[in-house]
Amino acid sequence: MVKAIVFIAIILLLIVTVPFIRQLMMDKRDLRKLPIEKRFKTFMETINEGLFNGNAELTLFDDDPRLANMMDPDRPSILIQFYYSTGHITVTLNHQCFRRENVWKKLFTNARSWSTFNQIDCGREFVESALDQIQMHETNVLTHLQ
């Protein structure tokens, strides 16, 4: 009886983990062929133009090719982080106003198959939402300071 339970538990664990591991392996293969800054070039450029007027710099990480940061040296209170995993990209907005930080994340699914048009649309969607988040955060902080 105990052996059967252990066997079933192992089978269930494999059913859950094998697809996830395959997705991670696909990510590694995809990013070896086309690094994150090239794979999502149009997406990142759309966000850079929308939030930073094209002045942001992209920082890549040697130890994690799935990760990139975007920041404008003239606006250090805003940091955008891109994290690509299992075919999806999570974009995180970090915004500080008077030492109060707002962290907001947006997940974009099926990024592995994005066309240039998908990248533009998703970039614009992120910019619009991020500008709303920044405005709300600044309003909340300034209201509490009074």
Protein backbone atom coordinates (compact mmCIF):
# COMPACT_ATOMS: atom_id res chain seq x y z
CA MET A 1 0.00 0.00 0.00
CA VAL A 2 2.76 2.44 0.98
CA LYS A 3 4.72 1.58 -2.16
CA ALA A 4 1.67 2.33 -4.30
CA ILE A 5 1.19 5.73 -2.64
CA VAL A 6 4.87 6.61 -3.10
CA PHE A 7 4.70 5.46 -6.73
CA ILE A 8 1.60 7.60 -7.40
CA ALA A 9 3.23 10.61 -5.69
CA ILE A 10 6.33 10.25 -7.87
CA ILE A 11 4.22 9.98 -11.03
CA LEU A 12 2.24 13.10 -10.06
CA LEU A 13 5.45 14.99 -9.32
CA LEU A 14 6.84 14.06 -12.73
CA ILE A 15 3.61 15.11 -14.45
CA VAL A 16 3.92 18.54 -12.85
CA THR A 17 7.67 19.15 -13.16
CA VAL A 18 8.54 17.72 -16.59
CA PRO A 19 6.55 20.30 -18.62
CA PHE A 20 7.98 23.13 -16.50
CA ILE A 21 11.55 21.90 -17.00
CA ARG A 22 10.91 21.60 -20.76
CA GLN A 23 9.74 25.22 -20.87
CA LEU A 24 12.88 26.36 -19.04
CA MET A 25 15.05 24.42 -21.47
CA MET A 26 13.22 26.06 -24.39
CA ASP A 27 13.91 29.47 -22.79
CA LYS A 28 17.62 28.73 -22.59
CA ARG A 29 17.70 27.56 -26.20
CA ASP A 30 15.70 30.59 -27.38
CA LEU A 31 17.91 33.07 -25.52
CA ARG A 32 21.09 31.44 -26.80
CA LYS A 33 19.87 32.01 -30.36
CA LEU A 34 18.45 35.46 -29.70
CA PRO A 35 19.28 37.28 -26.41
CA ILE A 36 16.51 39.03 -24.49
CA GLU A 37 17.45 42.50 -25.77
CA LYS A 38 17.11 41.31 -29.37
CA ARG A 39 14.16 38.96 -28.90
CA PHE A 40 12.07 41.76 -27.34
CA LYS A 41 13.75 44.73 -29.03
CA THR A 42 10.55 46.35 -30.31
CA PHE A 43 8.77 45.77 -26.99
CA MET A 44 11.61 47.37 -25.04
CA GLU A 45 11.95 50.25 -27.50
CA THR A 46 8.22 50.99 -27.21
CA ILE A 47 8.49 51.12 -23.42
CA ASN A 48 11.67 53.21 -23.60
CA GLU A 49 10.00 55.74 -25.91
CA GLY A 50 6.79 55.84 -23.89
CA LEU A 51 8.29 56.20 -20.42
CA PHE A 52 11.73 57.68 -20.99
CA ASN A 53 11.52 59.50 -24.34
CA GLY A 54 14.06 57.01 -25.69
CA ASN A 55 16.76 57.97 -23.15
CA ALA A 56 16.83 54.82 -21.03
CA GLU A 57 19.75 52.42 -20.88
CA LEU A 58 19.39 48.66 -20.80
CA THR A 59 21.42 46.64 -18.29
CA LEU A 60 21.93 42.94 -18.96
CA PHE A 61 23.10 40.35 -16.45
CA ASP A 62 25.78 37.79 -17.33
CA ASP A 63 24.60 35.40 -14.62
CA ASP A 64 20.94 35.43 -15.78
CA PRO A 65 20.25 35.93 -19.49
CA ARG A 66 16.49 35.99 -18.79
CA LEU A 67 16.76 39.30 -16.92
CA ALA A 68 17.25 42.92 -18.05
CA ASN A 69 16.79 46.31 -16.38
CA MET A 70 15.91 49.60 -18.04
CA MET A 71 16.56 52.98 -16.45
CA ASP A 72 17.02 56.56 -17.57
CA PRO A 73 20.00 58.17 -15.81
CA ASP A 74 18.04 61.45 -15.74
CA ARG A 75 15.06 59.77 -14.02
CA PRO A 76 16.59 57.32 -11.53
CA SER A 77 13.32 57.09 -9.59
CA ILE A 78 11.91 54.72 -12.24
CA LEU A 79 13.32 51.25 -12.95
CA ILE A 80 11.77 48.74 -15.34
CA GLN A 81 12.76 45.09 -15.02
CA PHE A 82 12.13 42.45 -17.69
CA TYR A 83 12.12 38.76 -16.73
CA TYR A 84 11.55 36.09 -19.38
CA SER A 85 10.61 32.62 -18.17
CA THR A 86 8.60 29.67 -19.48
CA GLY A 87 7.57 31.62 -22.58
CA HIS A 88 6.15 34.54 -20.62
CA ILE A 89 7.65 37.92 -19.79
CA THR A 90 7.05 39.71 -16.51
CA VAL A 91 7.68 43.45 -16.57
CA THR A 92 8.10 45.15 -13.19
CA LEU A 93 7.82 48.87 -12.59
CA ASN A 94 9.74 50.17 -9.57
CA HIS A 95 8.93 53.80 -8.85
CA GLN A 96 10.11 55.90 -5.92
CA CYS A 97 8.57 59.16 -4.83
CA PHE A 98 9.88 60.83 -1.67
CA ARG A 99 11.51 57.54 -0.60
CA ARG A 100 8.27 55.61 -0.89
CA GLU A 101 8.46 52.81 -3.40
CA ASN A 102 5.71 51.41 -5.57
CA VAL A 103 6.32 48.02 -7.19
CA TRP A 104 3.89 46.94 -9.88
CA LYS A 105 4.15 43.87 -12.12
CA LYS A 106 2.48 42.92 -15.37
CA LEU A 107 2.70 39.44 -16.87
CA PHE A 108 2.56 38.99 -20.63
CA THR A 109 1.84 35.43 -21.70
CA ASN A 110 2.87 33.58 -24.85
CA ALA A 111 5.75 36.00 -25.46
CA ARG A 112 7.70 33.27 -27.22
CA SER A 113 5.49 33.64 -30.29
CA TRP A 114 5.14 37.44 -30.37
CA SER A 115 5.27 39.24 -33.69
CA THR A 116 6.56 42.79 -34.04
CA PHE A 117 2.97 44.03 -33.88
CA ASN A 118 2.32 42.07 -30.65
CA GLN A 119 5.44 43.64 -29.15
CA ILE A 120 4.26 47.15 -30.05
CA ASP A 121 0.75 46.52 -28.70
CA CYS A 122 2.00 44.99 -25.45
CA GLY A 123 4.59 47.75 -25.04
CA ARG A 124 1.92 50.43 -25.44
CA GLU A 125 -0.35 48.58 -23.01
CA PHE A 126 2.44 48.48 -20.44
CA VAL A 127 3.31 52.17 -20.92
CA GLU A 128 -0.32 53.23 -20.48
CA SER A 129 -0.74 51.17 -17.31
CA ALA A 130 2.67 52.21 -15.94
CA LEU A 131 1.92 55.92 -16.42
CA ASP A 132 -1.36 55.41 -14.53
CA GLN A 133 0.51 53.59 -11.73
CA ILE A 134 3.12 56.36 -11.50
CA GLN A 135 0.45 59.06 -11.37
CA MET A 136 -1.57 57.22 -8.69
CA HIS A 137 1.55 56.61 -6.60
CA GLU A 138 2.70 60.23 -6.78
CA THR A 139 -0.81 61.45 -5.92
CA ASN A 140 -1.02 59.10 -2.91
CA VAL A 141 2.42 60.07 -1.64
CA LEU A 142 1.84 63.80 -2.05
CA THR A 143 -1.59 63.55 -0.39
CA HIS A 144 -0.05 61.84 2.66
CA LEU A 145 2.72 64.44 2.91
CA GLN A 146 0.21 67.29 3.41
